[in-house]
Amino acid sequence: MALLTASELASAYASGELSPVEATTAAIDAIEQRDGTCNAYCLVDAETALDQARASEARWREGNPIGPLDGVPSSIKDMFLTQGWPTLRGSRCIDPQQPWELDSPITARMRESGLVLLGKTTTPELGWKGTTDSPLTGITRNPWDPTKTAGGSSGGSAAAVAAGMGELSVGTDAGGSVRIPASFCGIVGFKPTYGRIPLFPASPFGMLAHAGPMARTVDDVALLLDVLALPDYRDPTALPPPFGAYREATRRDVRGINAAYSPTLGYVDVDQEVAALVDDAVRLLGETGVHVDEVDPGFEDPLEPFDVLWSAGAAKWLSKFPEGSAEKVDPGLRALWDRGLTHSALDYLGANEARVELGIAMGEFHSRYDVLITPMMPIRPFEAGHDVPPGSGYRSWPEWTRFSYPFNMTQQPAISVPTGFTSDGLPAGLQIVGPRHSDDLVLAVARLVQEIHPWPTERAAPVAGEGSRT
């Protein structure tokens, strides 16, 4: 069966050309054939998925689907509570032998919309870094080149979608964790405005934490956001329901808007080939009638306050782990834990003040520019199994993903869209950032980029070469 998008699958279900059972069987077959190399899934429940697919097939046959994504094979990152399945978050410190009785808001909305849940995707322990490996599940690899990282922390979700092991997935993003692997794996990953997708339990990373849909096309991301954007009483910070459908909003005419293009944010070193790919996509966007000015937003790298917020959140989470856990966790996470314990309340409040000031500065910037465009990643995917590119001199993962975490601090919507391949066959992407609550605009600009700069959505990443789970 040819690789179809979620939107195309739904059309095929409606016409009777395909059934959810056929699509789910194809996704399960792809997992069996490809995931031994990618290691994108930490749990696969084929029997339950096929039961869900058969129920969906009956609804489509009766002309009564729950919604436009009924029966679409999907996955969910192992950070979200899922009734009946363990949520281990990549950690050996969480007991799998306990009742798993709750669905997170995200899981609940996916079930209510008839999506077929194939299983859960891998994450670094507690989603703490920009690559995906953990003491529990091993290394997740890039399906375009399994010697390279898929990125993280939603690397399992990105690799699964890119390799055709399910059309849709949902990840978390508190420092770039949806957008980093989306760029590295050549798919679309969207971090909507803070509170647009409800979270429960609340993330220890606080107001940095978002969830986001991941797919091969902007249309599919928008469709999934329509499912996930409904409020849930368990998240008191959740936004009201959106005014309209995001899928329809992607079709708005954005020609004539003012876009700022910042190739470096004023302080980031970018790989020359990645920069050229992004430059070309921005040039094409300008030719459509979007007014593009090359200008930096004018803020300094907020790495220091981000690190305070990040490490303090990790320390808070890990403080709830059983006694003796410190010796079991990822050594890098243990170092983050220790650093977080050194911060005072004043340190944390000062970092949060810097976060607010950055948000105000970006609000003023967007009074002049409708969107900001940057490269998504300043580097290409590097060797799997490393937290930083070998030989780079970087000490921690945020140092090589400086385009992502500022916009978690500001809580703005930001999306990664593929822009092409480097000479060694690795994907690159650009990022589109909008003012808070402009999710519809960001999606519309992203869709225009995808239209003028087509991406091979009809085929899966090749999963070439050799790889292993260790």
Protein backbone atom coordinates (compact mmCIF):
# COMPACT_ATOMS: atom_id res chain seq x y z
CA MET A 1 0.00 0.00 0.00
CA ALA A 2 1.41 3.40 -0.97
CA LEU A 3 2.29 5.69 1.92
CA LEU A 4 -0.64 8.04 2.45
CA THR A 5 -1.12 11.04 4.70
CA ALA A 6 -3.79 10.98 7.40
CA SER A 7 -6.00 13.20 5.24
CA GLU A 8 -5.62 10.85 2.28
CA LEU A 9 -6.36 7.82 4.43
CA ALA A 10 -9.61 9.38 5.65
CA SER A 11 -10.64 10.09 2.04
CA ALA A 12 -9.85 6.49 1.11
CA TYR A 13 -11.91 5.23 4.05
CA ALA A 14 -14.86 7.39 2.97
CA SER A 15 -14.72 6.11 -0.61
CA GLY A 16 -14.23 2.51 0.44
CA GLU A 17 -10.88 2.22 -1.37
CA LEU A 18 -9.14 1.34 1.90
CA SER A 19 -10.20 0.32 5.38
CA PRO A 20 -8.75 1.23 8.78
CA VAL A 21 -7.88 -2.45 9.24
CA GLU A 22 -5.77 -2.43 6.07
CA ALA A 23 -4.03 0.79 7.08
CA THR A 24 -3.38 -0.44 10.62
CA THR A 25 -2.08 -3.78 9.36
CA ALA A 26 0.30 -1.90 7.04
CA ALA A 27 1.54 0.23 9.95
CA ILE A 28 2.10 -2.83 12.12
CA ASP A 29 3.99 -4.52 9.27
CA ALA A 30 6.17 -1.42 8.93
CA ILE A 31 6.95 -1.52 12.64
CA GLU A 32 7.94 -5.18 12.38
CA GLN A 33 10.18 -4.49 9.38
CA ARG A 34 11.75 -1.17 10.42
CA ASP A 35 11.70 -0.68 14.14
CA GLY A 36 14.44 -3.18 14.83
CA THR A 37 16.73 -0.57 13.29
CA CYS A 38 15.02 2.67 14.36
CA ASN A 39 13.95 1.69 17.90
CA ALA A 40 11.16 4.26 17.78
CA TYR A 41 8.62 2.28 19.83
CA CYS A 42 8.96 1.18 23.44
CA LEU A 43 5.53 -0.50 23.41
CA VAL A 44 3.48 -1.91 20.53
CA ASP A 45 0.00 -3.36 21.10
CA ALA A 46 -0.99 -4.79 17.74
CA GLU A 47 -3.99 -6.71 19.05
CA THR A 48 -5.60 -3.66 20.65
CA ALA A 49 -4.79 -1.53 17.60
CA LEU A 50 -6.52 -3.98 15.29
CA ASP A 51 -9.56 -4.10 17.60
CA GLN A 52 -9.75 -0.30 17.37
CA ALA A 53 -9.33 -0.47 13.60
CA ARG A 54 -12.18 -2.98 13.23
CA ALA A 55 -14.48 -0.73 15.27
CA SER A 56 -13.50 2.22 13.07
CA GLU A 57 -14.08 0.19 9.92
CA ALA A 58 -17.62 -0.55 11.07
CA ARG A 59 -18.28 3.14 11.69
CA TRP A 60 -17.02 4.12 8.23
CA ARG A 61 -19.08 1.32 6.65
CA GLU A 62 -22.19 2.67 8.36
CA GLY A 63 -21.35 6.22 7.27
CA ASN A 64 -20.91 7.33 10.87
CA PRO A 65 -17.22 8.05 11.55
CA ILE A 66 -16.46 9.91 14.78
CA GLY A 67 -14.40 12.50 12.92
CA PRO A 68 -11.97 13.06 10.04
CA LEU A 69 -9.19 11.09 11.72
CA ASP A 70 -11.26 8.06 12.69
CA GLY A 71 -9.15 4.94 12.06
CA VAL A 72 -5.83 6.69 11.34
CA PRO A 73 -2.86 4.74 12.80
CA SER A 74 -1.08 6.87 15.38
CA SER A 75 1.35 6.75 18.27
CA ILE A 76 1.90 8.66 21.48
CA LYS A 77 5.12 9.52 23.28
CA ASP A 78 5.75 7.60 26.46
CA MET A 79 5.41 10.75 28.54
CA PHE A 80 1.60 10.75 28.45
CA LEU A 81 -0.55 8.62 30.74
CA THR A 82 -2.33 5.91 28.77
CA GLN A 83 -4.90 3.68 30.39
CA GLY A 84 -3.84 0.03 30.32
CA TRP A 85 -0.26 0.76 29.20
CA PRO A 86 2.69 1.64 31.45
CA THR A 87 4.05 5.18 31.22
CA LEU A 88 7.71 4.69 32.14
CA ARG A 89 9.12 7.88 30.61
CA GLY A 90 12.35 6.14 29.65
CA SER A 91 13.22 5.46 33.28
CA ARG A 92 14.21 2.36 35.21
CA CYS A 93 13.01 4.10 38.38
CA ILE A 94 9.29 3.87 37.56
CA ASP A 95 7.55 0.64 38.51
CA PRO A 96 5.68 -0.80 35.52
CA GLN A 97 3.74 -3.16 37.81
CA GLN A 98 1.19 -0.65 39.07
CA PRO A 99 -2.34 0.24 38.02
CA TRP A 100 -2.39 2.36 34.89
CA GLU A 101 -5.94 3.62 35.06
CA LEU A 102 -5.84 7.15 33.67
CA ASP A 103 -5.60 8.70 30.23
CA SER A 104 -3.89 12.05 29.87
CA PRO A 105 -6.03 14.69 28.15
CA ILE A 106 -4.14 14.00 24.93
CA THR A 107 -4.73 10.25 25.03
CA ALA A 108 -8.39 10.78 25.91
CA ARG A 109 -8.98 13.14 22.98
CA MET A 110 -7.26 10.74 20.59
CA ARG A 111 -9.47 7.85 21.70
CA GLU A 112 -12.60 9.98 21.52
CA SER A 113 -11.75 10.89 17.92
CA GLY A 114 -11.36 7.28 16.84
CA LEU A 115 -7.61 7.37 16.24
CA VAL A 116 -5.98 3.94 16.29
CA LEU A 117 -3.25 3.86 18.95
CA LEU A 118 -0.46 1.54 17.82
CA GLY A 119 1.73 2.01 20.89
CA LYS A 120 4.07 4.34 22.72
CA THR A 121 7.23 5.94 21.39
CA THR A 122 10.62 6.32 22.99
CA THR A 123 11.94 9.24 25.01
CA PRO A 124 15.14 10.03 26.87
CA GLU A 125 14.61 9.66 30.60
CA LEU A 126 11.91 12.19 31.61
CA GLY A 127 12.39 13.88 28.22
CA TRP A 128 15.40 15.73 29.60
CA LYS A 129 17.52 16.26 26.47
CA GLY A 130 17.55 16.91 22.72
CA THR A 131 18.44 13.36 21.68
CA THR A 132 16.56 10.12 22.31
CA ASP A 133 18.33 7.41 24.26
CA SER A 134 17.77 6.13 27.76
CA PRO A 135 19.00 3.48 30.18
CA LEU A 136 15.63 1.74 29.75
CA THR A 137 15.09 1.65 25.98
CA GLY A 138 18.49 2.26 24.37
CA ILE A 139 19.16 4.46 21.36
CA THR A 140 16.57 5.72 18.88
CA ARG A 141 18.03 6.19 15.41
CA ASN A 142 17.31 8.42 12.44
CA PRO A 143 15.43 6.53 9.70
CA TRP A 144 17.28 8.49 6.98
CA ASP A 145 20.62 7.26 8.37
CA PRO A 146 20.51 4.97 11.41
CA THR A 147 24.05 5.90 12.40
CA LYS A 148 22.66 9.38 13.22
CA THR A 149 20.42 10.61 16.02
CA ALA A 150 16.71 11.14 15.46
CA GLY A 151 16.90 14.13 17.79
CA GLY A 152 14.77 14.44 20.87
CA SER A 153 13.21 14.28 23.18
CA SER A 154 10.30 13.21 20.94
CA GLY A 155 12.70 11.28 18.72
CA GLY A 156 10.67 8.09 18.82
CA SER A 157 7.59 9.90 17.53
CA ALA A 158 9.54 11.64 14.76
CA ALA A 159 11.28 8.46 13.63
CA ALA A 160 8.01 6.51 13.65
CA VAL A 161 6.22 9.05 11.46
CA ALA A 162 9.17 9.49 9.10
CA ALA A 163 9.56 5.73 8.64
CA GLY A 164 5.87 5.15 7.91
CA MET A 165 5.21 3.41 11.23
CA GLY A 166 1.98 5.33 11.78
CA GLU A 167 0.78 8.55 10.18
CA LEU A 168 0.53 10.71 13.31
CA SER A 169 2.14 11.11 16.71
CA VAL A 170 2.11 13.48 19.66
CA GLY A 171 5.23 14.62 21.50
CA THR A 172 6.22 17.02 24.25
CA ASP A 173 8.21 20.22 23.77
CA ALA A 174 9.65 22.17 26.72
CA GLY A 175 12.90 23.16 25.00
CA GLY A 176 12.45 22.05 21.40
CA SER A 177 11.52 18.39 21.85
CA VAL A 178 8.92 18.29 19.05
CA ARG A 179 10.73 20.60 16.64
CA ILE A 180 14.30 19.24 17.00
CA PRO A 181 13.46 15.66 15.93
CA ALA A 182 10.96 16.88 13.34
CA SER A 183 13.77 18.77 11.64
CA PHE A 184 16.29 15.94 11.97
CA CYS A 185 13.80 13.35 10.64
CA GLY A 186 12.22 15.44 7.89
CA ILE A 187 8.65 15.76 9.16
CA VAL A 188 6.43 18.58 10.44
CA GLY A 189 6.37 19.25 14.18
CA PHE A 190 4.28 21.99 15.81
CA LYS A 191 4.56 23.52 19.28
CA PRO A 192 1.35 25.53 19.68
CA THR A 193 0.79 28.43 22.07
CA TYR A 194 1.23 27.48 25.72
CA GLY A 195 -2.04 26.06 27.06
CA ARG A 196 -3.47 25.31 23.62
CA ILE A 197 -3.11 21.57 24.34
CA PRO A 198 -3.99 20.68 27.95
CA LEU A 199 -1.49 18.68 29.99
CA PHE A 200 -2.04 16.39 32.98
CA PRO A 201 -0.19 15.72 35.16
CA ALA A 202 1.35 19.19 35.14
CA SER A 203 4.91 19.22 33.85
CA PRO A 204 7.67 20.00 36.38
CA PHE A 205 9.16 22.17 33.64
CA GLY A 206 6.25 24.50 34.31
CA MET A 207 5.50 27.24 31.81
CA LEU A 208 8.09 25.93 29.35
CA ALA A 209 6.09 22.78 28.71
CA HIS A 210 3.97 22.21 25.61
CA ALA A 211 2.65 19.20 23.73
CA GLY A 212 2.56 19.11 19.96
CA PRO A 213 1.30 17.15 16.94
CA MET A 214 3.75 15.53 14.52
CA ALA A 215 3.02 14.36 10.96
CA ARG A 216 4.38 14.40 7.41
CA THR A 217 2.24 17.36 6.31
CA VAL A 218 1.01 20.63 7.76
CA ASP A 219 -2.58 19.66 6.93
CA ASP A 220 -2.28 16.54 9.07
CA VAL A 221 -0.72 18.49 11.95
CA ALA A 222 -3.64 20.94 11.80
CA LEU A 223 -6.18 18.10 11.78
CA LEU A 224 -4.57 16.53 14.84
CA LEU A 225 -4.43 19.90 16.61
CA ASP A 226 -8.20 20.19 16.09
CA VAL A 227 -8.49 16.97 18.11
CA LEU A 228 -6.04 17.93 20.85
CA ALA A 229 -6.99 21.59 21.40
CA LEU A 230 -10.13 21.00 23.47
CA PRO A 231 -9.89 22.06 27.14
CA ASP A 232 -9.62 19.62 30.03
CA TYR A 233 -10.54 20.50 33.61
CA ARG A 234 -7.35 18.85 34.88
CA ASP A 235 -5.24 21.64 33.37
CA PRO A 236 -6.19 25.01 34.89
CA THR A 237 -3.86 26.81 32.46
CA ALA A 238 -5.58 25.42 29.37
CA LEU A 239 -6.95 27.91 26.85
CA PRO A 240 -10.62 28.09 25.80
CA PRO A 241 -11.67 26.08 22.75
CA PRO A 242 -10.45 27.57 19.46
CA PHE A 243 -12.91 29.69 17.47
CA GLY A 244 -12.63 27.59 14.31
CA ALA A 245 -10.99 24.56 12.77
CA TYR A 246 -7.22 24.76 12.34
CA ARG A 247 -7.47 22.60 9.24
CA GLU A 248 -9.49 25.34 7.55
CA ALA A 249 -7.25 28.09 8.92
CA THR A 250 -4.25 26.63 7.11
CA ARG A 251 -5.90 27.67 3.83
CA ARG A 252 -6.01 31.37 4.61
CA ASP A 253 -4.18 33.66 2.19
CA VAL A 254 -1.00 34.91 3.87
CA ARG A 255 0.47 36.73 0.88
CA GLY A 256 1.18 40.31 1.88
CA ILE A 257 2.06 39.60 5.50
CA ASN A 258 5.32 40.91 6.94
CA ALA A 259 7.86 38.23 7.80
CA ALA A 260 11.18 38.69 9.54
CA TYR A 261 13.94 36.29 8.54
CA SER A 262 16.75 35.88 11.05
CA PRO A 263 19.38 33.42 9.77
CA THR A 264 21.27 33.38 13.10
CA LEU A 265 19.18 35.24 15.74
CA GLY A 266 22.31 37.36 15.92
CA TYR A 267 24.34 34.78 17.84
CA VAL A 268 24.04 31.26 16.36
CA ASP A 269 26.65 29.57 14.13
CA VAL A 270 24.82 27.65 11.38
CA ASP A 271 26.05 24.82 9.15
CA GLN A 272 26.59 26.25 5.65
CA GLU A 273 24.48 23.65 3.83
CA VAL A 274 21.63 23.96 6.32
CA ALA A 275 21.77 27.75 5.98
CA ALA A 276 21.64 27.51 2.17
CA LEU A 277 18.59 25.23 2.26
CA VAL A 278 16.73 27.61 4.56
CA ASP A 279 17.79 30.65 2.49
CA ASP A 280 16.36 29.02 -0.63
CA ALA A 281 13.03 28.25 1.02
CA VAL A 282 12.74 31.81 2.35
CA ARG A 283 13.55 33.20 -1.10
CA LEU A 284 10.74 31.13 -2.62
CA LEU A 285 8.38 32.31 0.11
CA GLY A 286 9.22 35.91 -0.73
CA GLU A 287 8.37 35.26 -4.38
CA THR A 288 4.79 34.36 -3.39
CA GLY A 289 4.13 37.90 -2.15
CA VAL A 290 5.10 37.52 1.50
CA HIS A 291 7.17 40.58 2.45
CA VAL A 292 10.43 39.28 3.92
CA ASP A 293 12.97 41.45 5.74
CA GLU A 294 16.23 40.01 7.00
CA VAL A 295 16.31 41.23 10.59
CA ASP A 296 17.16 39.81 14.02
CA PRO A 297 14.64 40.07 16.87
CA GLY A 298 17.32 41.69 19.02
CA PHE A 299 17.59 39.54 22.13
CA GLU A 300 20.65 37.86 23.61
CA ASP A 301 20.89 34.09 24.01
CA PRO A 302 18.71 33.24 27.06
CA LEU A 303 20.59 29.99 27.74
CA GLU A 304 21.46 30.85 31.37
CA PRO A 305 17.91 31.53 32.60
CA PHE A 306 16.61 28.60 30.54
CA ASP A 307 19.11 26.32 32.27
CA VAL A 308 17.95 27.48 35.70
CA LEU A 309 14.30 26.78 34.83
CA TRP A 310 15.22 23.46 33.20
CA SER A 311 17.48 22.09 35.93
CA ALA A 312 15.16 23.23 38.73
CA GLY A 313 12.26 21.45 37.03
CA ALA A 314 14.30 18.27 36.71
CA ALA A 315 15.30 18.42 40.38
CA LYS A 316 11.68 18.86 41.42
CA TRP A 317 10.58 15.84 39.39
CA LEU A 318 13.42 13.60 40.51
CA SER A 319 12.89 14.49 44.17
CA LYS A 320 9.73 12.38 44.00
CA PHE A 321 11.60 9.28 42.81
CA PRO A 322 12.17 6.38 45.23
CA GLU A 323 15.24 6.39 47.43
CA GLY A 324 18.29 5.07 45.58
CA SER A 325 17.09 6.35 42.18
CA ALA A 326 20.09 8.66 41.77
CA GLU A 327 22.29 5.68 40.92
CA LYS A 328 19.87 4.39 38.26
CA VAL A 329 19.14 7.49 36.20
CA ASP A 330 20.93 8.65 33.06
CA PRO A 331 24.25 10.19 34.22
CA GLY A 332 23.50 13.39 32.31
CA LEU A 333 20.12 13.65 34.03
CA ARG A 334 21.80 13.04 37.37
CA ALA A 335 24.13 15.99 36.70
CA LEU A 336 21.13 18.15 35.78
CA TRP A 337 19.41 17.03 38.99
CA ASP A 338 22.43 17.98 41.09
CA ARG A 339 22.68 21.37 39.39
CA GLY A 340 19.01 22.04 39.95
CA LEU A 341 19.36 21.44 43.66
CA THR A 342 21.85 24.31 43.90
CA HIS A 343 19.36 26.96 42.75
CA SER A 344 17.58 29.15 45.28
CA ALA A 345 14.03 30.43 45.04
CA LEU A 346 15.50 33.81 44.08
CA ASP A 347 17.46 32.15 41.26
CA TYR A 348 14.28 30.59 39.94
CA LEU A 349 12.27 33.80 40.21
CA GLY A 350 15.04 35.71 38.46
CA ALA A 351 15.06 33.20 35.60
CA ASN A 352 11.29 33.45 35.33
CA GLU A 353 11.56 37.23 35.23
CA ALA A 354 13.99 36.92 32.32
CA ARG A 355 11.48 34.61 30.61
CA VAL A 356 8.73 37.20 30.98
CA GLU A 357 10.95 40.02 29.71
CA LEU A 358 11.83 37.95 26.65
CA GLY A 359 8.15 37.37 25.99
CA ILE A 360 7.46 41.10 26.17
CA ALA A 361 10.34 41.82 23.77
CA MET A 362 9.00 39.31 21.27
CA GLY A 363 5.51 40.77 21.64
CA GLU A 364 6.87 44.16 20.65
CA PHE A 365 8.79 42.61 17.75
CA HIS A 366 5.59 41.04 16.43
CA SER A 367 3.87 44.42 16.42
CA ARG A 368 6.08 45.01 13.37
CA TYR A 369 6.40 41.50 11.93
CA ASP A 370 3.63 38.92 11.66
CA VAL A 371 6.00 35.96 11.84
CA LEU A 372 9.68 35.25 12.46
CA ILE A 373 11.48 32.68 10.31
CA THR A 374 14.74 31.00 11.36
CA PRO A 375 16.57 27.79 10.63
CA MET A 376 15.18 25.09 12.90
CA MET A 377 18.52 23.48 13.66
CA PRO A 378 21.95 25.06 13.24
CA ILE A 379 23.53 21.65 12.64
CA ARG A 380 22.73 18.46 10.78
CA PRO A 381 21.98 15.18 12.60
CA PHE A 382 25.07 13.79 14.32
CA GLU A 383 26.19 10.38 15.57
CA ALA A 384 23.55 8.51 17.54
CA GLY A 385 24.24 7.75 21.17
CA HIS A 386 25.82 11.11 22.01
CA ASP A 387 24.27 14.05 23.86
CA VAL A 388 26.34 16.54 21.84
CA PRO A 389 28.09 16.22 18.46
CA PRO A 390 31.42 14.45 19.04
CA GLY A 391 34.33 16.86 18.86
CA SER A 392 32.08 19.93 18.93
CA GLY A 393 33.22 21.21 22.29
CA TYR A 394 29.62 21.62 23.42
CA ARG A 395 28.95 20.69 27.03
CA SER A 396 25.17 20.28 26.95
CA TRP A 397 22.37 19.73 24.46
CA PRO A 398 20.89 23.28 24.51
CA GLU A 399 24.17 24.60 23.12
CA TRP A 400 23.46 22.97 19.73
CA THR A 401 19.75 23.85 19.55
CA ARG A 402 19.76 27.58 20.21
CA PHE A 403 16.84 28.29 17.85
CA SER A 404 14.36 26.24 19.89
CA TYR A 405 14.30 26.97 23.63
CA PRO A 406 13.86 30.78 23.44
CA PHE A 407 10.35 30.23 22.09
CA ASN A 408 9.45 27.86 24.90
CA MET A 409 10.35 30.66 27.27
CA THR A 410 8.10 33.07 25.36
CA GLN A 411 5.32 30.44 24.98
CA GLN A 412 4.85 31.30 21.29
CA PRO A 413 3.63 28.93 18.58
CA ALA A 414 6.52 27.58 16.53
CA ILE A 415 6.65 24.96 13.79
CA SER A 416 9.39 23.02 12.00
CA VAL A 417 8.86 22.42 8.27
CA PRO A 418 11.22 20.39 6.01
CA THR A 419 13.33 22.34 3.54
CA GLY A 420 15.39 19.64 1.81
CA PHE A 421 18.43 17.42 2.20
CA THR A 422 22.09 18.12 2.82
CA SER A 423 24.67 16.59 0.50
CA ASP A 424 24.93 13.57 2.80
CA GLY A 425 21.20 12.88 2.51
CA LEU A 426 20.08 14.25 5.88
CA PRO A 427 16.96 16.40 6.33
CA ALA A 428 16.96 20.06 7.34
CA GLY A 429 14.10 22.32 8.33
CA LEU A 430 13.09 25.91 8.92
CA GLN A 431 11.16 27.31 11.88
CA ILE A 432 8.20 29.68 11.74
CA VAL A 433 7.36 31.53 14.97
CA GLY A 434 4.29 33.68 15.53
CA PRO A 435 2.91 35.83 18.33
CA ARG A 436 1.12 34.01 21.13
CA HIS A 437 -2.34 32.80 20.07
CA SER A 438 -1.49 33.03 16.35
CA ASP A 439 -1.42 29.25 15.83
CA ASP A 440 -3.65 29.57 12.77
CA LEU A 441 -1.29 32.06 11.11
CA VAL A 442 1.79 29.95 11.79
CA LEU A 443 0.07 26.89 10.29
CA ALA A 444 -1.02 28.87 7.22
CA VAL A 445 2.51 30.14 6.55
CA ALA A 446 3.88 26.64 7.10
CA ARG A 447 1.41 25.21 4.61
CA LEU A 448 2.48 27.79 2.04
CA VAL A 449 6.13 26.81 2.57
CA GLN A 450 5.21 23.18 2.03
CA GLU A 451 3.31 24.03 -1.15
CA ILE A 452 6.16 25.96 -2.74
CA HIS A 453 8.87 23.64 -1.46
CA PRO A 454 7.38 20.13 -1.86
CA TRP A 455 8.61 17.31 0.34
CA PRO A 456 8.41 13.58 -0.49
CA THR A 457 5.47 12.82 1.81
CA GLU A 458 4.44 9.87 -0.35
CA ARG A 459 7.39 7.74 0.74
CA ALA A 460 8.88 6.76 4.05
CA ALA A 461 12.43 7.41 5.10
CA PRO A 462 14.51 4.49 3.83
CA VAL A 463 15.85 3.22 7.20
CA ALA A 464 19.05 2.35 5.35
CA GLY A 465 22.20 0.97 6.91
CA GLU A 466 22.74 -0.93 10.11
CA GLY A 467 21.65 -0.06 13.62
CA SER A 468 20.86 -1.60 16.96
CA ARG A 469 18.99 -0.89 20.17
CA THR A 470 22.09 -0.45 22.27
